[in-house]
N, C-alpha and C. Protein backbone atom coordinates (compact mmCIF):
# COMPACT_ATOMS: atom_id res chain seq x y z
N MET A 1 132.17 112.63 73.86
CA MET A 1 133.25 112.67 74.59
C MET A 1 134.43 111.69 74.52
N PRO A 2 135.45 111.72 74.64
CA PRO A 2 136.19 110.97 74.98
C PRO A 2 135.96 109.88 76.23
N PRO A 3 136.43 108.56 76.44
CA PRO A 3 135.97 107.77 77.34
C PRO A 3 136.65 108.17 78.77
N TRP A 4 137.79 108.79 78.61
CA TRP A 4 138.30 109.46 80.05
C TRP A 4 138.11 110.66 80.64
N HIS A 5 136.94 111.45 79.97
CA HIS A 5 136.36 112.59 80.66
C HIS A 5 136.07 112.38 81.91
N PHE A 6 136.16 113.52 82.65
CA PHE A 6 135.69 113.42 84.47
C PHE A 6 134.60 114.70 84.41
N LEU A 7 133.41 114.41 84.97
CA LEU A 7 132.53 115.45 85.44
C LEU A 7 132.39 115.42 86.71
N GLY A 8 132.51 116.56 87.30
CA GLY A 8 131.99 116.83 88.96
C GLY A 8 132.68 117.95 89.15
N LYS A 9 132.48 118.29 90.65
CA LYS A 9 133.02 119.39 90.92
C LYS A 9 134.41 119.27 91.67
N LEU A 10 135.21 120.27 91.66
CA LEU A 10 136.37 119.97 92.19
C LEU A 10 136.34 120.67 93.67
N THR A 11 136.18 120.04 94.63
CA THR A 11 136.45 120.43 95.94
C THR A 11 137.29 120.69 96.81
N GLN A 12 138.45 119.78 96.72
CA GLN A 12 139.68 119.49 97.50
C GLN A 12 140.89 120.16 96.73
N PHE A 13 140.86 120.25 95.28
CA PHE A 13 142.06 120.85 94.61
C PHE A 13 141.91 122.23 94.22
N HIS A 14 142.91 123.21 94.09
CA HIS A 14 143.13 124.40 93.70
C HIS A 14 143.55 124.43 92.28
N HIS A 15 144.59 123.53 91.60
CA HIS A 15 144.84 123.72 90.31
C HIS A 15 145.10 122.18 90.04
N VAL A 16 145.04 121.99 88.55
CA VAL A 16 145.26 120.78 87.88
C VAL A 16 145.95 121.38 86.63
N ALA A 17 147.00 120.39 86.37
CA ALA A 17 147.94 120.57 85.42
C ALA A 17 148.34 119.31 84.77
N VAL A 18 147.57 118.97 83.87
CA VAL A 18 147.74 117.45 83.16
C VAL A 18 148.40 117.92 81.89
N LEU A 19 149.63 118.06 81.70
CA LEU A 19 150.18 118.41 80.21
C LEU A 19 150.11 117.45 79.38
N PRO A 20 150.55 115.99 79.41
CA PRO A 20 150.34 114.88 78.26
C PRO A 20 149.29 115.10 77.56
N SER A 21 148.10 115.08 78.08
CA SER A 21 146.88 114.93 77.38
C SER A 21 146.04 116.43 77.07
N ARG A 22 146.76 117.62 77.26
CA ARG A 22 146.03 118.67 77.24
C ARG A 22 144.80 118.89 77.60
N LEU A 23 144.51 119.03 79.02
CA LEU A 23 143.38 118.97 79.62
C LEU A 23 143.39 120.47 80.24
N HIS A 24 142.05 120.77 80.38
CA HIS A 24 141.95 122.17 81.24
C HIS A 24 140.31 121.93 81.73
N ILE A 25 140.18 122.98 82.45
CA ILE A 25 138.72 122.96 83.18
C ILE A 25 137.78 123.79 82.62
N ASN A 26 136.89 123.46 82.48
CA ASN A 26 135.88 124.39 81.86
C ASN A 26 134.75 124.33 82.93
N GLN A 27 134.07 125.53 83.25
CA GLN A 27 132.77 125.70 83.94
C GLN A 27 131.60 125.63 83.10
N ASP A 28 130.81 124.52 83.45
CA ASP A 28 129.28 124.36 82.85
C ASP A 28 128.17 125.01 83.15
N ILE A 29 127.19 125.18 82.78
CA ILE A 29 126.21 125.89 83.19
C ILE A 29 125.37 125.67 84.53
N THR A 30 125.84 124.61 85.34
CA THR A 30 125.33 124.42 86.42
C THR A 30 126.31 124.84 87.46
N GLY A 31 127.34 125.48 87.13
CA GLY A 31 128.37 126.21 87.95
C GLY A 31 129.38 124.99 88.23
N GLY A 32 129.26 123.55 87.76
CA GLY A 32 130.26 122.73 88.14
C GLY A 32 131.57 122.41 87.44
N HIS A 33 132.42 121.72 87.36
CA HIS A 33 133.59 121.78 86.62
C HIS A 33 133.52 120.49 85.74
N MET A 34 134.27 120.47 84.54
CA MET A 34 134.74 119.36 83.81
C MET A 34 136.13 119.49 83.17
N PHE A 35 136.55 118.43 83.07
CA PHE A 35 137.84 118.12 82.04
C PHE A 35 137.44 117.90 80.51
N THR A 36 138.23 118.79 80.03
CA THR A 36 137.79 118.79 78.34
C THR A 36 139.16 118.92 77.59
N ARG A 37 139.10 118.36 76.47
CA ARG A 37 140.40 118.56 75.59
C ARG A 37 140.69 120.19 75.31
N SER A 38 141.95 120.64 75.37
CA SER A 38 142.26 121.87 75.12
C SER A 38 142.19 122.21 73.71
N PRO A 39 141.76 123.04 73.16
CA PRO A 39 141.97 123.16 71.82
C PRO A 39 143.29 123.61 71.44
N THR A 40 143.73 124.12 72.04
CA THR A 40 145.22 124.83 71.68
C THR A 40 146.33 123.89 72.23
N GLY A 41 147.52 124.25 71.48
CA GLY A 41 149.03 123.28 72.18
C GLY A 41 149.19 123.43 73.28
N GLU A 42 149.21 124.45 74.10
CA GLU A 42 149.34 124.92 75.22
C GLU A 42 148.11 124.88 76.15
N PRO A 43 148.84 124.29 77.45
CA PRO A 43 147.64 124.34 78.59
C PRO A 43 147.57 125.95 78.99
N LYS A 44 146.47 125.67 79.47
CA LYS A 44 145.95 127.40 79.94
C LYS A 44 146.22 127.17 81.55
N LYS A 45 146.75 128.44 81.99
CA LYS A 45 146.90 128.60 83.52
C LYS A 45 145.55 128.66 84.26
N LEU A 46 145.31 128.12 85.21
CA LEU A 46 143.99 128.03 86.15
C LEU A 46 144.25 128.79 87.37
N GLU A 47 143.18 129.40 87.47
CA GLU A 47 143.24 130.35 88.70
C GLU A 47 142.86 129.60 89.98
N PRO A 48 143.29 129.95 91.04
CA PRO A 48 143.00 129.07 92.36
C PRO A 48 141.43 129.23 92.79
N LEU A 49 140.56 128.34 93.23
CA LEU A 49 139.50 128.50 93.36
C LEU A 49 139.27 129.24 94.56
N LYS A 50 138.21 130.41 94.69
CA LYS A 50 137.99 131.15 95.97
C LYS A 50 137.20 130.28 96.67
N SER A 51 137.49 129.76 98.04
CA SER A 51 137.11 128.98 98.72
C SER A 51 137.46 129.03 100.24
N ASN A 52 136.67 129.15 101.33
CA ASN A 52 137.20 129.29 102.45
C ASN A 52 137.23 127.79 103.11
N SER A 53 136.44 127.01 102.68
CA SER A 53 136.94 125.65 103.06
C SER A 53 137.81 124.92 102.18
N GLY A 54 138.47 123.78 102.67
CA GLY A 54 139.16 122.84 101.84
C GLY A 54 140.61 123.14 102.34
N PRO A 55 141.23 122.06 102.16
CA PRO A 55 142.88 122.22 102.41
C PRO A 55 143.66 123.35 101.46
N SER A 56 144.53 123.93 102.15
CA SER A 56 145.59 124.82 101.66
C SER A 56 146.55 124.22 100.79
N LEU A 57 147.01 124.65 99.70
CA LEU A 57 147.88 124.26 98.80
C LEU A 57 149.17 123.84 99.38
N ASN A 58 149.67 124.63 100.67
CA ASN A 58 150.71 124.46 101.18
C ASN A 58 150.43 123.22 102.25
N ALA A 59 149.37 122.82 102.57
CA ALA A 59 149.45 121.78 103.54
C ALA A 59 149.82 120.82 102.94
N VAL A 60 150.28 119.86 103.43
CA VAL A 60 150.97 118.48 103.16
C VAL A 60 149.81 117.17 103.64
N PRO A 61 149.31 116.84 102.37
CA PRO A 61 148.23 115.81 102.42
C PRO A 61 148.65 114.79 103.36
N GLN A 62 147.68 114.46 104.18
CA GLN A 62 147.91 113.06 105.11
C GLN A 62 147.62 111.99 104.59
N GLN A 63 148.47 110.97 104.61
CA GLN A 63 147.96 109.60 104.17
C GLN A 63 147.30 108.88 105.24
N PRO A 64 146.13 108.27 104.79
CA PRO A 64 145.35 107.96 105.69
C PRO A 64 145.98 106.68 106.59
N GLN A 65 145.79 106.46 107.86
CA GLN A 65 146.51 105.36 108.44
C GLN A 65 145.81 104.28 108.19
N GLN A 66 146.48 103.43 108.00
CA GLN A 66 146.02 102.01 107.41
C GLN A 66 146.30 101.21 109.11
N ARG A 67 145.15 100.89 109.47
CA ARG A 67 145.21 99.82 110.66
C ARG A 67 145.19 98.29 110.40
N ARG A 68 145.97 97.68 110.87
CA ARG A 68 145.82 96.28 110.64
C ARG A 68 145.53 95.40 111.92
N ALA A 69 144.65 94.54 111.86
CA ALA A 69 144.58 93.75 113.61
C ALA A 69 145.73 93.24 113.56
N ALA A 70 146.31 93.41 115.07
CA ALA A 70 147.55 92.47 115.27
C ALA A 70 146.59 91.13 115.63
N PRO A 71 147.68 90.03 115.45
CA PRO A 71 147.08 88.60 115.61
C PRO A 71 146.63 88.38 117.25
N SER A 72 147.42 89.43 118.00
CA SER A 72 147.19 88.96 119.31
C SER A 72 145.92 89.61 119.77
N GLU A 73 145.22 90.44 119.01
CA GLU A 73 143.96 91.31 119.27
C GLU A 73 142.64 90.11 119.63
N PRO A 74 141.97 90.41 120.76
CA PRO A 74 140.88 89.57 120.86
C PRO A 74 139.92 89.91 119.39
N GLY A 75 139.65 88.62 119.04
CA GLY A 75 138.53 88.92 117.75
C GLY A 75 139.20 88.90 116.44
N ALA A 76 140.32 89.07 116.52
CA ALA A 76 141.14 88.88 115.02
C ALA A 76 140.97 87.78 114.33
N LYS A 77 140.72 87.78 113.30
CA LYS A 77 140.31 86.40 112.74
C LYS A 77 140.66 86.62 111.09
N SER A 78 141.29 85.41 110.52
CA SER A 78 141.60 85.42 109.03
C SER A 78 140.26 84.43 108.50
N VAL A 79 139.98 84.62 107.66
CA VAL A 79 138.79 84.05 107.04
C VAL A 79 138.99 83.50 105.31
N ILE A 80 139.08 82.18 105.07
CA ILE A 80 139.03 81.55 103.51
C ILE A 80 137.67 81.38 103.40
N GLY A 81 137.18 82.23 102.33
CA GLY A 81 135.72 82.63 102.07
C GLY A 81 135.40 81.17 101.34
N ASN A 82 133.78 81.14 101.38
CA ASN A 82 133.47 79.65 100.78
C ASN A 82 133.50 79.73 99.33
N ASP A 83 133.98 81.07 98.89
CA ASP A 83 134.08 81.06 97.20
C ASP A 83 135.48 80.60 97.10
N LEU A 84 136.57 80.22 98.06
CA LEU A 84 137.77 79.90 97.69
C LEU A 84 138.33 78.39 97.71
N LYS A 85 138.87 78.06 96.77
CA LYS A 85 139.48 76.80 96.68
C LYS A 85 140.95 76.63 96.50
N ILE A 86 141.57 76.39 97.48
CA ILE A 86 143.08 76.58 97.68
C ILE A 86 143.72 75.27 97.44
N ILE A 87 144.65 75.02 96.26
CA ILE A 87 145.31 73.73 96.16
C ILE A 87 146.66 74.10 96.21
N GLY A 88 147.59 73.04 96.49
CA GLY A 88 149.03 73.06 96.45
C GLY A 88 149.65 72.06 97.06
N GLN A 89 150.77 71.72 96.50
CA GLN A 89 151.57 70.44 96.81
C GLN A 89 152.21 71.14 97.99
N GLY A 90 152.33 70.47 99.14
CA GLY A 90 153.30 71.05 100.24
C GLY A 90 152.79 72.67 100.72
N LEU A 91 151.48 72.74 100.51
CA LEU A 91 150.99 73.98 101.04
C LEU A 91 150.83 74.18 102.35
N LYS A 92 150.95 74.95 102.96
CA LYS A 92 150.90 75.41 104.51
C LYS A 92 150.18 76.74 104.55
N ILE A 93 148.95 76.76 105.17
CA ILE A 93 148.28 77.97 105.73
C ILE A 93 148.69 77.89 107.07
N ILE A 94 149.07 79.21 107.49
CA ILE A 94 149.57 79.48 108.83
C ILE A 94 149.19 80.76 109.35
N SER A 95 148.54 80.86 110.44
CA SER A 95 147.97 81.76 111.16
C SER A 95 148.58 82.03 112.54
N GLN A 96 148.67 83.43 112.87
CA GLN A 96 149.22 83.58 114.18
C GLN A 96 147.79 83.55 115.04
N GLY A 97 146.66 84.16 114.34
CA GLY A 97 145.39 84.18 115.41
C GLY A 97 144.26 83.01 114.97
N THR A 98 143.26 83.18 114.88
CA THR A 98 142.28 82.65 114.38
C THR A 98 141.98 82.32 112.82
N LEU A 99 141.96 81.33 112.35
CA LEU A 99 141.80 81.23 110.93
C LEU A 99 140.81 80.45 110.91
N GLN A 100 139.56 80.98 110.12
CA GLN A 100 138.34 80.38 109.91
C GLN A 100 138.16 79.76 108.36
N VAL A 101 138.16 78.43 108.14
CA VAL A 101 138.06 77.90 106.93
C VAL A 101 136.71 77.59 106.33
N ASP A 102 136.00 78.55 105.49
CA ASP A 102 134.79 78.09 105.04
C ASP A 102 134.79 77.52 103.43
N GLY A 103 135.68 77.59 103.08
CA GLY A 103 136.09 77.29 101.61
C GLY A 103 136.85 75.82 101.53
N GLU A 104 137.58 75.52 100.70
CA GLU A 104 138.13 74.42 100.30
C GLU A 104 139.78 74.39 100.52
N VAL A 105 140.30 73.83 100.99
CA VAL A 105 142.01 73.84 101.12
C VAL A 105 142.31 72.44 101.26
N GLU A 106 143.35 72.29 100.19
CA GLU A 106 144.11 70.93 99.76
C GLU A 106 145.65 71.26 100.30
N GLY A 107 145.78 71.02 101.68
CA GLY A 107 147.05 71.43 102.28
C GLY A 107 146.95 71.59 103.61
N ASP A 108 148.13 71.92 104.48
CA ASP A 108 147.95 71.72 105.65
C ASP A 108 147.56 73.29 106.27
N VAL A 109 146.82 73.30 107.73
CA VAL A 109 146.36 74.71 107.99
C VAL A 109 146.84 74.61 109.23
N GLY A 110 147.24 76.02 109.98
CA GLY A 110 147.51 76.08 111.31
C GLY A 110 147.40 77.42 111.92
N GLY A 111 146.98 77.48 113.17
CA GLY A 111 146.92 78.77 113.94
C GLY A 111 146.84 78.46 115.30
N SER A 112 146.47 79.50 116.10
CA SER A 112 146.18 79.43 117.52
C SER A 112 144.90 78.84 117.62
N GLU A 113 143.91 79.10 116.63
CA GLU A 113 142.72 78.52 116.58
C GLU A 113 142.28 78.12 115.33
N VAL A 114 141.82 77.12 114.96
CA VAL A 114 141.52 76.88 113.49
C VAL A 114 139.96 76.27 113.76
N ILE A 115 139.06 77.06 113.25
CA ILE A 115 137.63 76.61 112.87
C ILE A 115 137.25 76.58 111.36
N ILE A 116 136.80 75.06 111.20
CA ILE A 116 136.28 74.56 109.98
C ILE A 116 134.59 74.84 109.97
N GLY A 117 134.48 75.85 108.84
CA GLY A 117 132.96 76.14 108.97
C GLY A 117 132.24 75.10 108.32
N GLU A 118 130.98 74.87 108.15
CA GLU A 118 129.98 74.05 108.00
C GLU A 118 130.12 73.52 106.47
N LYS A 119 130.70 74.52 105.62
CA LYS A 119 130.65 74.05 104.24
C LYS A 119 132.41 74.32 103.77
N GLY A 120 132.89 74.30 105.03
CA GLY A 120 134.43 74.21 104.78
C GLY A 120 135.20 72.98 104.78
N LYS A 121 136.22 72.48 104.06
CA LYS A 121 136.82 71.04 103.53
C LYS A 121 138.36 71.41 103.60
N VAL A 122 138.92 70.52 104.34
CA VAL A 122 140.43 70.50 104.33
C VAL A 122 140.83 69.13 104.08
N THR A 123 141.78 69.00 103.26
CA THR A 123 142.53 67.74 103.05
C THR A 123 143.62 68.06 102.98
N GLY A 124 144.27 67.62 104.49
CA GLY A 124 145.74 67.76 105.20
C GLY A 124 145.42 67.90 106.56
N THR A 125 146.93 68.32 107.20
CA THR A 125 146.58 68.23 108.56
C THR A 125 146.17 69.77 109.18
N VAL A 126 145.65 69.35 110.13
CA VAL A 126 145.25 70.69 110.88
C VAL A 126 145.53 70.88 112.24
N ALA A 127 146.44 71.77 112.26
CA ALA A 127 147.12 71.73 113.72
C ALA A 127 147.13 73.25 114.37
N ALA A 128 146.34 73.39 115.52
CA ALA A 128 146.33 74.24 116.59
C ALA A 128 145.81 73.99 117.85
N GLU A 129 145.99 75.22 118.65
CA GLU A 129 145.84 74.93 120.19
C GLU A 129 144.36 74.56 120.47
N ARG A 130 143.47 75.25 119.41
CA ARG A 130 142.08 74.82 119.43
C ARG A 130 141.50 74.70 118.39
N VAL A 131 140.75 73.60 117.81
CA VAL A 131 140.29 73.07 116.57
C VAL A 131 138.94 72.89 117.03
N ILE A 132 138.19 73.62 115.99
CA ILE A 132 136.57 73.43 116.01
C ILE A 132 136.29 73.01 114.63
N VAL A 133 135.55 71.68 114.58
CA VAL A 133 135.33 71.36 113.26
C VAL A 133 133.65 71.37 113.34
N ARG A 134 133.19 72.09 111.98
CA ARG A 134 131.64 72.01 111.79
C ARG A 134 131.71 71.20 110.26
N GLY A 135 132.76 71.25 109.54
CA GLY A 135 132.48 70.81 108.35
C GLY A 135 133.32 69.65 107.82
N GLN A 136 134.24 69.34 106.99
CA GLN A 136 134.77 68.24 106.57
C GLN A 136 136.42 68.31 106.77
N ILE A 137 137.03 67.32 107.46
CA ILE A 137 138.15 66.96 107.39
C ILE A 137 139.01 65.82 106.75
N SER A 138 139.93 65.76 106.09
CA SER A 138 140.43 64.09 105.70
C SER A 138 141.76 64.43 105.80
N GLY A 139 142.19 63.91 107.03
CA GLY A 139 143.54 64.25 107.59
C GLY A 139 143.84 64.27 108.95
N VAL A 140 145.00 64.38 109.35
CA VAL A 140 145.17 64.29 110.71
C VAL A 140 144.75 65.48 111.36
N ILE A 141 144.35 65.46 112.56
CA ILE A 141 144.04 67.01 113.52
C ILE A 141 145.24 66.57 114.65
N ARG A 142 145.82 67.89 114.98
CA ARG A 142 146.50 67.98 115.87
C ARG A 142 146.00 69.11 117.09
N GLY A 143 145.61 68.98 117.91
CA GLY A 143 145.15 70.02 118.88
C GLY A 143 145.07 69.90 120.34
N VAL A 144 145.37 70.78 121.34
CA VAL A 144 145.09 70.69 122.71
C VAL A 144 143.67 70.40 122.74
N THR A 145 142.85 71.25 122.25
CA THR A 145 141.42 71.10 122.64
C THR A 145 140.89 71.02 120.98
N VAL A 146 140.15 69.74 120.82
CA VAL A 146 139.37 69.42 119.51
C VAL A 146 138.13 69.38 119.88
N THR A 147 137.16 70.19 119.06
CA THR A 147 135.73 69.77 118.98
C THR A 147 134.93 69.51 117.87
N LEU A 148 134.50 68.32 117.83
CA LEU A 148 133.89 67.98 116.59
C LEU A 148 132.34 68.23 116.79
N GLN A 149 131.80 69.11 116.07
CA GLN A 149 130.23 69.82 116.35
C GLN A 149 129.45 68.73 115.42
N SER A 150 128.01 68.70 115.63
CA SER A 150 127.24 67.80 114.99
C SER A 150 127.21 67.78 113.26
N SER A 151 127.68 68.85 112.74
CA SER A 151 127.77 68.83 111.24
C SER A 151 129.17 68.39 110.71
N SER A 152 129.89 68.24 111.75
CA SER A 152 131.21 67.75 111.06
C SER A 152 131.58 66.35 110.68
N ARG A 153 132.48 65.99 109.87
CA ARG A 153 132.80 64.92 109.11
C ARG A 153 134.26 64.59 109.05
N VAL A 154 134.72 63.92 109.85
CA VAL A 154 136.29 63.63 110.14
C VAL A 154 136.63 62.35 109.68
N GLU A 155 137.69 62.22 108.72
CA GLU A 155 138.29 60.89 108.06
C GLU A 155 139.96 61.08 108.53
N GLY A 156 140.29 60.64 109.50
CA GLY A 156 141.58 60.74 109.96
C GLY A 156 141.90 60.58 111.56
N ASP A 157 142.83 60.60 112.01
CA ASP A 157 143.29 60.31 113.22
C ASP A 157 143.40 61.96 114.18
N ILE A 158 143.01 61.70 115.34
CA ILE A 158 142.84 63.12 116.05
C ILE A 158 143.88 62.86 117.41
N HIS A 159 144.84 63.76 117.34
CA HIS A 159 145.78 63.81 118.55
C HIS A 159 145.33 64.99 119.42
N HIS A 160 145.31 64.83 120.50
CA HIS A 160 144.59 65.74 121.52
C HIS A 160 144.96 65.68 122.94
N MET A 161 144.71 66.86 123.76
CA MET A 161 144.79 66.62 125.01
C MET A 161 143.32 66.46 125.43
N SER A 162 142.39 67.32 125.08
CA SER A 162 140.84 67.24 125.16
C SER A 162 140.22 67.16 123.86
N LEU A 163 139.20 66.09 124.13
CA LEU A 163 137.95 65.94 122.62
C LEU A 163 136.96 65.90 123.15
N ALA A 164 135.86 66.53 122.62
CA ALA A 164 134.69 66.60 122.62
C ALA A 164 133.95 66.34 121.06
N ILE A 165 133.27 65.31 121.18
CA ILE A 165 132.38 64.92 120.06
C ILE A 165 130.76 65.18 120.17
N GLU A 166 130.36 66.04 119.72
CA GLU A 166 128.74 66.24 119.57
C GLU A 166 127.77 65.00 118.85
N GLN A 167 126.82 64.82 119.42
CA GLN A 167 125.94 63.73 118.59
C GLN A 167 125.65 64.31 117.27
N GLY A 168 125.84 63.50 116.57
CA GLY A 168 125.87 63.74 115.04
C GLY A 168 126.98 63.78 114.10
N ALA A 169 128.02 64.19 114.97
CA ALA A 169 129.11 64.14 114.06
C ALA A 169 129.62 62.69 113.76
N GLU A 170 130.36 62.76 112.35
CA GLU A 170 130.74 61.64 111.83
C GLU A 170 132.49 61.56 112.08
N PHE A 171 132.84 60.35 112.72
CA PHE A 171 134.40 60.38 112.57
C PHE A 171 134.84 58.85 112.49
N ASP A 172 135.78 58.76 111.58
CA ASP A 172 136.25 57.61 111.21
C ASP A 172 137.86 58.13 111.23
N GLY A 173 138.47 57.03 112.20
CA GLY A 173 140.03 57.51 112.42
C GLY A 173 140.27 57.03 113.89
N ARG A 174 141.24 57.02 114.50
CA ARG A 174 141.71 56.71 115.78
C ARG A 174 142.21 58.07 116.74
N CYS A 175 141.97 57.97 117.73
CA CYS A 175 141.94 58.95 118.74
C CYS A 175 143.20 58.80 119.64
N ARG A 176 144.29 59.48 119.88
CA ARG A 176 145.45 59.90 120.69
C ARG A 176 145.61 60.82 121.45
N ARG A 177 145.92 60.54 122.85
CA ARG A 177 146.19 61.49 123.90
C ARG A 177 147.48 61.13 124.41
N PRO A 178 148.21 61.87 123.81
CA PRO A 178 149.80 61.81 124.48
C PRO A 178 149.87 62.32 126.08
N ALA A 179 150.66 61.77 126.70
CA ALA A 179 150.89 62.03 127.95
C ALA A 179 151.56 63.52 128.17
N ASP A 180 151.92 64.28 127.44
CA ASP A 180 152.50 65.53 127.36
C ASP A 180 152.02 66.44 126.11
N ALA A 181 151.58 67.79 126.32
CA ALA A 181 150.77 68.50 125.35
C ALA A 181 152.10 68.94 124.32
N SER A 182 153.53 68.70 124.64
CA SER A 182 154.50 69.01 123.61
C SER A 182 154.38 68.03 122.61
N GLU A 183 154.04 66.90 122.87
CA GLU A 183 153.97 65.48 121.91
C GLU A 183 153.11 65.82 120.64
N LEU A 184 152.17 66.88 120.86
CA LEU A 184 151.09 66.96 119.90
C LEU A 184 151.81 67.52 118.52
N ASN A 185 153.02 68.17 118.62
CA ASN A 185 153.64 68.69 117.24
C ASN A 185 152.77 69.61 116.55
N LEU A 186 152.37 70.70 117.39
CA LEU A 186 151.43 71.61 116.52
C LEU A 186 152.18 72.57 115.70
N ASN A 187 153.45 72.97 115.70
CA ASN A 187 153.86 73.91 114.91
C ASN A 187 154.15 73.29 113.38
N LEU A 188 153.33 73.81 112.43
CA LEU A 188 153.46 73.21 111.02
C LEU A 188 154.93 73.94 110.30
N GLU A 189 155.47 75.07 110.84
CA GLU A 189 156.31 75.63 110.12
C GLU A 189 157.82 74.88 110.22
N THR A 190 157.95 74.22 111.55
CA THR A 190 159.07 73.38 111.68
C THR A 190 158.85 72.17 111.72
N GLY A 191 157.65 71.69 111.96
CA GLY A 191 157.58 70.13 112.20
C GLY A 191 157.78 69.78 113.56
N LYS A 192 157.98 70.79 114.35
CA LYS A 192 158.55 70.18 115.86
C LYS A 192 157.51 70.88 116.82
N PRO A 193 157.56 70.17 118.05
CA PRO A 193 156.45 70.65 119.17
C PRO A 193 156.66 71.99 119.36
N ASN A 194 155.93 72.78 119.96
CA ASN A 194 155.92 74.30 120.28
C ASN A 194 156.81 74.37 121.62
């Protein structure tokens, strides 16, 4: 049989018309249907299946509604998986919601909340209202609230309003707490304070 053949029951369609490859439907001994090549040059007319179930030919097929999580919805999270390595000169990854980095990023990362997972690694600036570090960062961290958890390794300066460092975390750099949160420069898109 050709590699494009189809075996299976037709449950939702009443007619099949495939002219270029001259296909028609044969009923096999099990009562199912299969596509085969037509031995003649003209396609055969197919009769509608007699079934009380299934959609009508006159019914307009409904497109499934795709629902995408809005960034402001609680729990909406974008994840860079541990199998991804993203590299780019001048690269900026910006999320409107929570961004979790479990892979490797060479570039700047921003969002309302940024979480660097235990196996995550960022080389560049990390800017968010809330930054949670469990992995590695080589670069500047800018955040209203910054938490370095026990598995974190940070090499670079931290600009923050609130900083928590758990026992076991490694940090090599300077900490700076500005007088006002607007001095943190959290907006990666414009480089200006929010």
